[in-house]
Amino acid sequence: MGIAGEAAAAAAKKGYEGLIHVLERDERGRLVLPDICIGTSAGDYENYVTRPRVNNDLHGVGAFVMACVEMQSIL
């Protein structure tokens, strides 16, 4: 891996560690990915920052699973 590849891998690892840091566990010990915006609606800034958030919405969980798969390929 070249210098650019190593820098990209280091950045990816740092971002992934940030994702891992926010994970929680529920009362049964299952992983929870918290505070995911439900959809991406158009509108003004106020609408953008006040959208409802839920735990384990598939928009965020899907992206998280893809990040996990990619991290496996560079570790």
N, C-alpha and C. Protein backbone atom coordinates (compact mmCIF):
# COMPACT_ATOMS: atom_id res chain seq x y z
N MET A 1 0.86 -1.17 0.00
CA MET A 1 0.00 0.00 0.00
C MET A 1 0.90 1.23 0.00
N GLY A 2 0.61 2.19 -0.87
CA GLY A 2 1.40 3.41 -0.96
C GLY A 2 1.05 4.39 0.14
N ILE A 3 1.74 5.52 0.13
CA ILE A 3 1.51 6.55 1.15
C ILE A 3 0.07 7.05 1.13
N ALA A 4 -0.46 7.30 -0.07
CA ALA A 4 -1.85 7.78 -0.18
C ALA A 4 -2.81 6.73 0.34
N GLY A 5 -2.55 5.46 0.02
CA GLY A 5 -3.41 4.39 0.50
C GLY A 5 -3.35 4.24 2.01
N GLU A 6 -2.17 4.42 2.57
CA GLU A 6 -2.02 4.33 4.02
C GLU A 6 -2.75 5.48 4.71
N ALA A 7 -2.68 6.66 4.11
CA ALA A 7 -3.38 7.82 4.69
C ALA A 7 -4.89 7.60 4.62
N ALA A 8 -5.38 7.07 3.51
CA ALA A 8 -6.81 6.80 3.36
C ALA A 8 -7.25 5.74 4.36
N ALA A 9 -6.45 4.71 4.54
CA ALA A 9 -6.79 3.65 5.50
C ALA A 9 -6.81 4.20 6.92
N ALA A 10 -5.87 5.08 7.25
CA ALA A 10 -5.84 5.68 8.58
C ALA A 10 -7.08 6.55 8.81
N ALA A 11 -7.48 7.31 7.80
CA ALA A 11 -8.68 8.15 7.91
C ALA A 11 -9.93 7.29 8.06
N ALA A 12 -10.00 6.20 7.30
CA ALA A 12 -11.14 5.29 7.39
C ALA A 12 -11.21 4.67 8.78
N LYS A 13 -10.07 4.27 9.31
CA LYS A 13 -10.04 3.66 10.64
C LYS A 13 -10.50 4.66 11.69
N LYS A 14 -10.07 5.92 11.57
CA LYS A 14 -10.47 6.95 12.53
C LYS A 14 -11.98 7.17 12.48
N GLY A 15 -12.54 7.23 11.27
CA GLY A 15 -13.99 7.39 11.13
C GLY A 15 -14.75 6.20 11.69
N TYR A 16 -14.23 5.01 11.44
CA TYR A 16 -14.87 3.80 11.93
C TYR A 16 -14.86 3.75 13.46
N GLU A 17 -13.75 4.16 14.05
CA GLU A 17 -13.67 4.20 15.51
C GLU A 17 -14.69 5.17 16.08
N GLY A 18 -14.95 6.27 15.35
CA GLY A 18 -16.00 7.20 15.77
C GLY A 18 -17.37 6.55 15.75
N LEU A 19 -17.63 5.72 14.73
CA LEU A 19 -18.90 5.01 14.67
C LEU A 19 -19.03 4.02 15.81
N ILE A 20 -17.97 3.29 16.06
CA ILE A 20 -17.99 2.29 17.14
C ILE A 20 -18.23 2.97 18.49
N HIS A 21 -17.68 4.17 18.63
CA HIS A 21 -17.78 4.89 19.90
C HIS A 21 -19.22 5.22 20.28
N VAL A 22 -20.10 5.43 19.31
CA VAL A 22 -21.48 5.81 19.62
C VAL A 22 -22.41 4.61 19.83
N LEU A 23 -21.93 3.42 19.54
CA LEU A 23 -22.78 2.24 19.72
C LEU A 23 -23.18 2.08 21.18
N GLU A 24 -24.38 1.61 21.37
CA GLU A 24 -24.89 1.33 22.71
C GLU A 24 -25.40 -0.10 22.75
N ARG A 25 -25.78 -0.56 23.90
CA ARG A 25 -26.41 -1.87 24.05
C ARG A 25 -27.76 -1.68 24.75
N ASP A 26 -28.74 -2.46 24.31
CA ASP A 26 -30.04 -2.39 24.97
C ASP A 26 -30.06 -3.31 26.18
N GLU A 27 -31.22 -3.42 26.82
CA GLU A 27 -31.34 -4.22 28.04
C GLU A 27 -31.08 -5.71 27.82
N ARG A 28 -31.14 -6.15 26.57
CA ARG A 28 -30.86 -7.57 26.26
C ARG A 28 -29.45 -7.77 25.72
N GLY A 29 -28.66 -6.70 25.70
CA GLY A 29 -27.28 -6.81 25.24
C GLY A 29 -27.09 -6.65 23.74
N ARG A 30 -28.16 -6.31 23.03
CA ARG A 30 -28.06 -6.14 21.58
C ARG A 30 -27.51 -4.76 21.24
N LEU A 31 -26.77 -4.68 20.14
CA LEU A 31 -26.20 -3.41 19.72
C LEU A 31 -27.30 -2.46 19.25
N VAL A 32 -27.11 -1.19 19.57
CA VAL A 32 -28.03 -0.13 19.16
C VAL A 32 -27.20 0.97 18.52
N LEU A 33 -27.59 1.39 17.33
CA LEU A 33 -26.98 2.53 16.66
C LEU A 33 -27.95 3.70 16.86
N PRO A 34 -27.61 4.64 17.75
CA PRO A 34 -28.58 5.67 18.15
C PRO A 34 -28.61 6.90 17.24
N ASP A 35 -29.70 7.65 17.38
CA ASP A 35 -29.84 8.99 16.80
C ASP A 35 -29.67 9.07 15.29
N ILE A 36 -30.34 8.19 14.57
CA ILE A 36 -30.28 8.20 13.11
C ILE A 36 -31.48 8.98 12.58
N CYS A 37 -31.23 9.95 11.71
CA CYS A 37 -32.31 10.72 11.12
C CYS A 37 -33.15 9.80 10.23
N ILE A 38 -34.46 9.94 10.33
CA ILE A 38 -35.35 9.09 9.54
C ILE A 38 -35.60 9.76 8.19
N GLY A 39 -34.81 9.41 7.23
CA GLY A 39 -34.95 9.94 5.89
C GLY A 39 -34.22 11.26 5.70
N THR A 40 -34.21 11.71 4.48
CA THR A 40 -33.56 12.97 4.15
C THR A 40 -34.56 13.84 3.41
N SER A 41 -35.25 14.64 4.16
CA SER A 41 -36.27 15.50 3.55
C SER A 41 -35.65 16.81 3.11
N ALA A 42 -36.20 17.36 2.04
CA ALA A 42 -35.74 18.67 1.57
C ALA A 42 -36.38 19.75 2.43
N GLY A 43 -35.75 20.88 2.47
CA GLY A 43 -36.31 21.98 3.24
C GLY A 43 -35.22 22.93 3.68
N ASP A 44 -35.58 23.81 4.57
CA ASP A 44 -34.61 24.78 5.06
C ASP A 44 -33.71 24.18 6.14
N TYR A 45 -32.78 24.98 6.62
CA TYR A 45 -31.81 24.50 7.61
C TYR A 45 -32.51 24.03 8.88
N GLU A 46 -33.49 24.78 9.34
CA GLU A 46 -34.19 24.42 10.57
C GLU A 46 -34.83 23.03 10.43
N ASN A 47 -35.43 22.76 9.29
CA ASN A 47 -36.01 21.44 9.03
C ASN A 47 -34.93 20.37 9.03
N TYR A 48 -33.80 20.70 8.45
CA TYR A 48 -32.69 19.73 8.34
C TYR A 48 -32.17 19.33 9.72
N VAL A 49 -31.99 20.28 10.61
CA VAL A 49 -31.38 19.97 11.91
C VAL A 49 -32.38 19.51 12.96
N THR A 50 -33.67 19.60 12.66
CA THR A 50 -34.67 19.18 13.65
C THR A 50 -35.45 17.94 13.22
N ARG A 51 -34.95 17.25 12.20
CA ARG A 51 -35.64 16.02 11.77
C ARG A 51 -35.67 15.02 12.92
N PRO A 52 -36.73 14.22 12.98
CA PRO A 52 -36.80 13.18 14.02
C PRO A 52 -35.63 12.19 13.90
N ARG A 53 -35.21 11.69 15.02
CA ARG A 53 -34.14 10.69 15.08
C ARG A 53 -34.62 9.48 15.85
N VAL A 54 -34.19 8.33 15.41
CA VAL A 54 -34.55 7.08 16.08
C VAL A 54 -33.33 6.19 16.17
N ASN A 55 -33.45 5.16 16.97
CA ASN A 55 -32.39 4.15 17.05
C ASN A 55 -32.59 3.10 15.99
N ASN A 56 -31.50 2.65 15.41
CA ASN A 56 -31.48 1.52 14.47
C ASN A 56 -32.31 1.72 13.21
N ASP A 57 -32.49 2.95 12.76
CA ASP A 57 -33.16 3.16 11.48
C ASP A 57 -32.29 2.54 10.38
N LEU A 58 -32.92 1.91 9.41
CA LEU A 58 -32.17 1.16 8.40
C LEU A 58 -31.26 2.04 7.55
N HIS A 59 -31.54 3.34 7.43
CA HIS A 59 -30.64 4.23 6.68
C HIS A 59 -29.25 4.20 7.30
N GLY A 60 -29.18 4.30 8.61
CA GLY A 60 -27.90 4.31 9.30
C GLY A 60 -27.32 2.93 9.51
N VAL A 61 -28.16 1.97 9.81
CA VAL A 61 -27.67 0.61 10.05
C VAL A 61 -27.06 0.03 8.78
N GLY A 62 -27.70 0.27 7.64
CA GLY A 62 -27.16 -0.23 6.38
C GLY A 62 -25.79 0.36 6.09
N ALA A 63 -25.65 1.67 6.30
CA ALA A 63 -24.36 2.33 6.08
C ALA A 63 -23.32 1.80 7.07
N PHE A 64 -23.73 1.54 8.29
CA PHE A 64 -22.81 1.00 9.30
C PHE A 64 -22.33 -0.39 8.91
N VAL A 65 -23.23 -1.23 8.44
CA VAL A 65 -22.85 -2.59 8.01
C VAL A 65 -21.86 -2.51 6.84
N MET A 66 -22.13 -1.60 5.91
CA MET A 66 -21.19 -1.44 4.77
C MET A 66 -19.82 -0.97 5.27
N ALA A 67 -19.79 -0.08 6.25
CA ALA A 67 -18.51 0.37 6.81
C ALA A 67 -17.77 -0.78 7.47
N CYS A 68 -18.50 -1.63 8.17
CA CYS A 68 -17.88 -2.81 8.82
C CYS A 68 -17.25 -3.73 7.78
N VAL A 69 -17.95 -3.97 6.69
CA VAL A 69 -17.43 -4.84 5.64
C VAL A 69 -16.17 -4.24 5.03
N GLU A 70 -16.20 -2.94 4.76
CA GLU A 70 -15.01 -2.29 4.18
C GLU A 70 -13.83 -2.32 5.15
N MET A 71 -14.09 -2.13 6.43
CA MET A 71 -12.99 -2.16 7.41
C MET A 71 -12.34 -3.53 7.46
N GLN A 72 -13.13 -4.58 7.28
CA GLN A 72 -12.56 -5.92 7.26
C GLN A 72 -11.56 -6.08 6.13
N SER A 73 -11.78 -5.37 5.03
CA SER A 73 -10.88 -5.52 3.89
C SER A 73 -9.57 -4.76 4.06
N ILE A 74 -9.52 -3.78 4.98
CA ILE A 74 -8.27 -3.02 5.14
C ILE A 74 -7.54 -3.33 6.44
N LEU A 75 -8.14 -4.11 7.32
CA LEU A 75 -7.45 -4.45 8.58
C LEU A 75 -6.52 -5.61 8.41
